[in-house]
């Protein structure tokens, strides 16, 4: 298989079975979770504000994002489903540059509490924003 100019030899492919989740799960991030808002400054310039997992808006914006993904996947409103994401241990900020843009995200161990269907969507699509660029990927912990 060729990827750009490189020849890649695929030695195996593995598909994981669908996971069933309860109302609470511990996770460890594999890529930063980024949550942000774009604001206007007094001089009418745009500014990106990145939220910390220690701010209430972080969990609220993650839930809003997952509710939108739920609607796209299931073609119906998610009802009262909600999710809380809480930092647990070893959480740290990760700042990186992607396509000439500085992005702030958070790595570490978190607890997800709430709707099993939203936890499942999060597992399949990622937490927070910029999932198509690889952000928000995580693994579950026992």
Protein backbone atom coordinates (compact mmCIF):
# COMPACT_ATOMS: atom_id res chain seq x y z
CA UNK A 1 0.00 0.00 0.00
CA UNK A 2 1.29 3.48 -0.77
CA UNK A 3 0.75 6.40 1.61
CA UNK A 4 1.91 9.64 -0.02
CA UNK A 5 5.38 8.71 -1.31
CA UNK A 6 5.98 5.89 1.15
CA UNK A 7 5.38 2.21 0.57
CA UNK A 8 3.71 0.60 3.58
CA UNK A 9 3.38 -3.11 4.20
CA UNK A 10 0.26 -4.00 6.16
CA UNK A 11 1.00 -7.04 8.31
CA UNK A 12 -2.39 -7.29 10.03
CA UNK A 13 -5.71 -5.57 10.59
CA UNK A 14 -7.71 -5.90 13.78
CA UNK A 15 -11.30 -4.86 14.41
CA UNK A 16 -12.42 -4.41 18.00
CA UNK A 17 -15.94 -5.53 18.90
CA UNK A 18 -18.53 -2.94 19.91
CA UNK A 19 -18.19 -2.03 23.58
CA UNK A 20 -21.01 -1.90 26.09
CA UNK A 21 -20.64 0.85 28.67
CA UNK A 22 -22.23 1.47 32.04
CA UNK A 23 -22.93 4.88 33.56
CA UNK A 24 -19.33 5.43 34.66
CA UNK A 25 -15.96 4.68 33.09
CA UNK A 26 -12.34 5.63 33.76
CA UNK A 27 -10.36 6.66 30.71
CA UNK A 28 -6.80 7.53 29.78
CA UNK A 29 -6.30 9.93 26.89
CA UNK A 30 -4.28 8.84 23.88
CA UNK A 31 -4.53 12.31 22.31
CA UNK A 32 -5.36 15.68 23.90
CA UNK A 33 -8.97 16.65 24.56
CA UNK A 34 -9.51 20.18 23.31
CA UNK A 35 -12.56 22.32 24.08
CA UNK A 36 -12.75 25.96 23.04
CA UNK A 37 -14.87 28.97 22.15
CA UNK A 38 -14.12 31.66 19.60
CA UNK A 39 -14.65 35.13 21.08
CA UNK A 40 -14.49 38.67 19.72
CA UNK A 41 -12.07 41.10 21.36
CA UNK A 42 -12.85 44.77 21.97
CA UNK A 43 -11.03 45.67 18.76
CA UNK A 44 -13.24 43.19 16.85
CA UNK A 45 -10.58 40.52 16.38
CA UNK A 46 -11.27 36.83 16.92
CA UNK A 47 -9.66 35.07 19.86
CA UNK A 48 -9.78 31.39 20.75
CA UNK A 49 -10.29 30.55 24.42
CA UNK A 50 -9.36 26.99 25.41
CA UNK A 51 -11.16 25.62 28.47
CA UNK A 52 -9.53 23.67 31.27
CA UNK A 53 -11.13 20.47 32.61
CA UNK A 54 -11.34 22.31 35.94
CA UNK A 55 -13.86 24.76 34.45
CA UNK A 56 -17.57 23.86 34.35
CA UNK A 57 -17.80 24.87 30.68
CA UNK A 58 -15.36 22.09 29.73
CA UNK A 59 -17.81 19.33 30.70
CA UNK A 60 -20.80 21.28 29.33
CA UNK A 61 -19.17 21.80 25.92
CA UNK A 62 -18.05 18.15 25.74
CA UNK A 63 -21.67 17.11 26.42
CA UNK A 64 -23.05 19.52 23.81
CA UNK A 65 -20.59 18.16 21.26
CA UNK A 66 -21.54 14.53 22.05
CA UNK A 67 -25.26 15.34 21.82
CA UNK A 68 -24.69 16.70 18.29
CA UNK A 69 -22.76 13.56 17.35
CA UNK A 70 -25.55 11.40 18.82
CA UNK A 71 -28.10 13.15 16.59
CA UNK A 72 -25.91 12.67 13.51
CA UNK A 73 -25.40 8.95 14.22
CA UNK A 74 -28.91 8.03 15.40
CA UNK A 75 -30.98 10.57 13.38
CA UNK A 76 -32.92 11.57 16.49
CA UNK A 77 -32.57 13.92 19.43
CA UNK A 78 -30.64 12.52 22.42
CA UNK A 79 -33.39 13.54 24.88
CA UNK A 80 -32.07 14.34 28.36
CA UNK A 81 -28.87 12.37 27.94
CA UNK A 82 -25.88 14.09 29.50
CA UNK A 83 -22.30 13.41 30.48
CA UNK A 84 -19.88 14.74 33.06
CA UNK A 85 -16.14 14.54 32.48
CA UNK A 86 -13.92 14.94 35.56
CA UNK A 87 -10.12 15.00 35.80
CA UNK A 88 -8.88 12.16 38.02
CA UNK A 89 -5.11 11.87 38.03
CA UNK A 90 -2.03 13.06 36.19
CA UNK A 91 -3.97 15.58 34.09
CA UNK A 92 -1.77 18.06 32.28
CA UNK A 93 -2.06 20.65 29.55
CA UNK A 94 -0.59 19.81 26.15
CA UNK A 95 0.15 22.67 23.75
CA UNK A 96 0.90 21.84 20.15
CA UNK A 97 0.96 23.36 16.71
CA UNK A 98 -1.29 22.00 13.97
CA UNK A 99 -1.19 23.64 10.52
CA UNK A 100 0.36 26.83 11.92
CA UNK A 101 -2.28 27.08 14.67
CA UNK A 102 -1.56 26.70 18.38
CA UNK A 103 -3.98 24.25 20.02
CA UNK A 104 -4.29 23.60 23.74
CA UNK A 105 -5.63 20.29 25.00
CA UNK A 106 -5.56 18.09 28.08
CA UNK A 107 -4.04 14.67 28.66
CA UNK A 108 -4.34 12.24 31.57
CA UNK A 109 -6.91 10.17 33.41
CA UNK A 110 -10.56 11.23 33.50
CA UNK A 111 -13.85 9.84 34.75
CA UNK A 112 -16.87 9.88 32.46
CA UNK A 113 -20.24 9.72 34.22
CA UNK A 114 -23.66 9.74 32.62
CA UNK A 115 -25.44 8.32 29.63
CA UNK A 116 -23.95 5.02 28.39
CA UNK A 117 -25.02 5.96 24.84
CA UNK A 118 -23.04 9.23 24.99
CA UNK A 119 -20.04 7.39 26.44
CA UNK A 120 -20.28 4.98 23.50
CA UNK A 121 -20.41 7.88 21.00
CA UNK A 122 -17.37 9.41 22.74
CA UNK A 123 -15.49 6.11 22.46
CA UNK A 124 -16.27 5.82 18.75
CA UNK A 125 -15.69 9.46 17.76
CA UNK A 126 -13.53 11.12 20.42
CA UNK A 127 -14.09 13.70 23.16
CA UNK A 128 -14.20 17.43 22.53
CA UNK A 129 -13.33 19.20 19.29
CA UNK A 130 -11.03 18.52 16.35
CA UNK A 131 -11.64 14.75 16.40
CA UNK A 132 -11.02 14.45 12.65
CA UNK A 133 -7.47 15.70 13.34
CA UNK A 134 -7.02 12.95 15.95
CA UNK A 135 -7.86 14.91 19.10
CA UNK A 136 -9.92 13.40 21.92
CA UNK A 137 -9.01 9.74 21.44
CA UNK A 138 -8.93 7.64 24.62
CA UNK A 139 -8.76 4.13 26.01
CA UNK A 140 -10.81 2.75 28.86
CA UNK A 141 -9.22 1.71 32.14
CA UNK A 142 -10.41 -1.14 34.37
